[in-house]
Amino acid sequence: MLGVIRSIRAMIRYTISIAVLILGFSVFASDTSEENFIDIGMLEANVLSTYGSPANIIQYPDDEEYGMGKTKLITYEGVKLDLRLGDQGYYIWRLRILGSPWAYRNKKLSVGVTTEELRAILGIPLSTKIDGATEFYYYHPYSFDGWATIKIENGVVIEILATEDWT
């Protein structure tokens, strides 16, 4: 009888182990999103190691951006990243997402989401502006002085701009 109980316990442990592995793999594999997450404050080294060489790099003359020191612009298809030299290297201080496959702050907010999805992700905007058929939603999603402007047409996000106020 003791041998049967041990066999059952071993089978239960084996079944639980397999279930945990399957669950872990399914959670890992369930994020099949092809979007590239990006946010202000990210270091250039991390961006380059994650997303590879950009389509274009423009190194600006020192203080080109009104006293910011060394700055540059790197572009990939669908996104423009303004970088500033900080203590740990160049970091993103402004970004403009214009299309796929880029996502802002999390993998859910990207060009193409609806106004309802936007509000579910970032909440009610601090303010809004309407200019013809274009709406602008303004958010302050950072613990520092940083802002996000979401451009919307026909109820769909068409552009995401985020910037750090470095002054």
Protein backbone atom coordinates (compact mmCIF):
# COMPACT_ATOMS: atom_id res chain seq x y z
CA MET A 1 0.00 0.00 0.00
CA LEU A 2 2.84 2.44 0.85
CA GLY A 3 4.36 1.84 -2.60
CA VAL A 4 1.07 2.78 -4.30
CA ILE A 5 0.83 6.02 -2.30
CA ARG A 6 4.42 6.93 -3.22
CA SER A 7 3.71 6.22 -6.89
CA ILE A 8 0.59 8.44 -6.80
CA ARG A 9 2.51 11.25 -5.06
CA ALA A 10 5.31 11.01 -7.64
CA MET A 11 2.77 11.10 -10.48
CA ILE A 12 1.06 14.15 -8.95
CA ARG A 13 4.43 15.97 -8.59
CA TYR A 14 5.32 15.08 -12.18
CA THR A 15 1.92 16.31 -13.44
CA ILE A 16 2.22 19.57 -11.47
CA SER A 17 5.75 20.13 -12.79
CA ILE A 18 4.60 19.62 -16.38
CA ALA A 19 1.64 21.95 -15.82
CA VAL A 20 3.91 24.67 -14.38
CA LEU A 21 6.28 24.34 -17.34
CA ILE A 22 3.42 24.53 -19.84
CA LEU A 23 1.88 27.52 -18.05
CA GLY A 24 5.22 29.30 -17.88
CA PHE A 25 5.93 28.69 -21.54
CA SER A 26 2.44 29.80 -22.59
CA VAL A 27 2.78 33.05 -20.63
CA PHE A 28 6.20 33.67 -22.16
CA ALA A 29 5.04 32.75 -25.66
CA SER A 30 1.70 34.57 -25.41
CA ASP A 31 3.30 37.96 -26.03
CA THR A 32 3.50 37.57 -29.77
CA SER A 33 3.35 41.31 -30.24
CA GLU A 34 5.79 42.53 -32.82
CA GLU A 35 5.78 46.01 -31.32
CA ASN A 36 8.98 47.55 -30.00
CA PHE A 37 8.56 49.17 -26.59
CA ILE A 38 10.18 52.60 -26.22
CA ASP A 39 10.05 55.42 -23.64
CA ILE A 40 11.88 58.57 -22.65
CA GLY A 41 14.80 58.01 -20.32
CA MET A 42 15.91 54.82 -22.09
CA LEU A 43 19.65 54.69 -22.74
CA GLU A 44 20.88 54.69 -26.32
CA ALA A 45 23.02 51.61 -25.63
CA ASN A 46 19.90 49.66 -24.62
CA VAL A 47 17.97 50.87 -27.66
CA LEU A 48 20.79 49.88 -30.04
CA SER A 49 21.38 46.49 -28.42
CA THR A 50 17.65 45.71 -28.48
CA TYR A 51 16.61 47.11 -31.88
CA GLY A 52 19.85 47.15 -33.85
CA SER A 53 21.32 49.88 -36.00
CA PRO A 54 18.95 52.76 -36.77
CA ALA A 55 18.14 53.87 -40.28
CA ASN A 56 19.71 57.26 -39.62
CA ILE A 57 21.81 59.07 -36.98
CA ILE A 58 22.29 62.84 -36.93
CA GLN A 59 24.81 64.21 -34.44
CA TYR A 60 23.96 67.84 -33.74
CA PRO A 61 26.54 70.52 -32.93
CA ASP A 62 26.97 71.11 -29.20
CA ASP A 63 24.14 73.16 -27.69
CA GLU A 64 22.09 72.96 -30.91
CA GLU A 65 19.07 72.26 -28.70
CA TYR A 66 19.19 75.47 -26.66
CA GLY A 67 21.82 74.64 -24.08
CA MET A 68 21.27 70.89 -23.81
CA GLY A 69 24.88 70.05 -24.57
CA LYS A 70 25.50 67.08 -26.85
CA THR A 71 22.38 65.85 -28.66
CA LYS A 72 21.54 63.63 -31.59
CA LEU A 73 18.60 62.18 -33.46
CA ILE A 74 18.26 58.52 -34.31
CA THR A 75 15.48 57.20 -36.50
CA TYR A 76 14.02 53.79 -37.18
CA GLU A 77 11.06 53.18 -39.44
CA GLY A 78 8.05 54.54 -37.54
CA VAL A 79 9.91 56.36 -34.73
CA LYS A 80 12.21 59.34 -34.18
CA LEU A 81 14.30 59.48 -31.00
CA ASP A 82 16.01 62.63 -29.75
CA LEU A 83 18.90 61.83 -27.42
CA ARG A 84 20.86 63.92 -24.95
CA LEU A 85 24.20 63.08 -23.33
CA GLY A 86 23.68 62.42 -19.62
CA ASP A 87 25.76 60.94 -16.81
CA GLN A 88 25.26 57.35 -18.04
CA GLY A 89 25.50 58.07 -21.77
CA TYR A 90 23.00 59.25 -24.35
CA TYR A 91 19.35 58.80 -23.36
CA ILE A 92 16.00 59.49 -25.03
CA TRP A 93 14.63 62.87 -23.99
CA ARG A 94 12.01 63.13 -26.74
CA LEU A 95 10.33 60.56 -28.94
CA ARG A 96 7.83 60.64 -31.75
CA ILE A 97 6.07 57.41 -32.69
CA LEU A 98 4.57 57.63 -36.15
CA GLY A 99 3.71 54.01 -36.87
CA SER A 100 4.30 50.31 -36.41
CA PRO A 101 5.98 48.44 -34.90
CA TRP A 102 6.57 50.83 -31.98
CA ALA A 103 4.72 50.99 -28.65
CA TYR A 104 4.93 53.63 -25.95
CA ARG A 105 5.43 52.94 -22.20
CA ASN A 106 3.95 49.47 -22.50
CA LYS A 107 3.18 47.10 -25.33
CA LYS A 108 -0.47 48.16 -25.44
CA LEU A 109 -0.18 51.82 -26.48
CA SER A 110 0.75 52.26 -30.12
CA VAL A 111 -0.40 54.02 -33.24
CA GLY A 112 -3.71 52.50 -34.28
CA VAL A 113 -5.33 52.03 -30.86
CA THR A 114 -8.76 53.56 -30.35
CA THR A 115 -9.57 56.47 -28.08
CA GLU A 116 -11.29 54.03 -25.71
CA GLU A 117 -8.18 51.82 -25.56
CA LEU A 118 -6.01 54.91 -24.98
CA ARG A 119 -8.16 55.99 -22.03
CA ALA A 120 -8.08 52.47 -20.61
CA ILE A 121 -4.26 52.55 -20.73
CA LEU A 122 -3.40 56.15 -19.69
CA GLY A 123 -6.69 57.28 -18.16
CA ILE A 124 -8.46 60.57 -18.70
CA PRO A 125 -6.13 63.19 -20.22
CA LEU A 126 -5.17 66.29 -18.26
CA SER A 127 -6.45 68.38 -21.14
CA THR A 128 -7.56 68.05 -24.73
CA LYS A 129 -7.59 70.22 -27.83
CA ILE A 130 -9.52 69.88 -31.05
CA ASP A 131 -8.15 71.26 -34.30
CA GLY A 132 -10.52 70.39 -37.14
CA ALA A 133 -10.70 66.61 -37.39
CA THR A 134 -7.65 66.15 -35.15
CA GLU A 135 -7.80 65.76 -31.38
CA PHE A 136 -4.85 66.11 -29.02
CA TYR A 137 -4.81 64.42 -25.62
CA TYR A 138 -2.25 65.71 -23.11
CA TYR A 139 -0.90 63.49 -20.32
CA HIS A 140 1.68 63.80 -17.54
CA PRO A 141 2.56 60.11 -17.04
CA TYR A 142 5.94 60.60 -15.35
CA SER A 143 7.14 61.27 -11.82
CA PHE A 144 9.46 63.91 -13.31
CA ASP A 145 8.65 66.83 -15.60
CA GLY A 146 7.76 64.88 -18.71
CA TRP A 147 4.75 65.08 -20.99
CA ALA A 148 2.95 63.02 -23.60
CA THR A 149 0.82 64.34 -26.43
CA ILE A 150 -1.35 61.83 -28.25
CA LYS A 151 -2.66 62.84 -31.68
CA ILE A 152 -5.98 61.28 -32.69
CA GLU A 153 -8.01 61.31 -35.91
CA ASN A 154 -11.33 59.54 -36.42
CA GLY A 155 -11.11 57.98 -32.94
CA VAL A 156 -7.71 56.35 -33.62
CA VAL A 157 -4.22 57.29 -32.35
CA ILE A 158 -2.07 58.44 -35.28
CA GLU A 159 0.97 59.83 -33.43
CA ILE A 160 2.54 59.70 -29.96
CA LEU A 161 4.93 62.40 -28.76
CA ALA A 162 6.65 62.23 -25.38
CA THR A 163 9.21 64.66 -24.06
CA GLU A 164 11.21 65.38 -20.94
CA ASP A 165 11.40 68.99 -19.81
CA TRP A 166 15.16 69.15 -19.27
CA THR A 167 15.22 72.79 -18.12
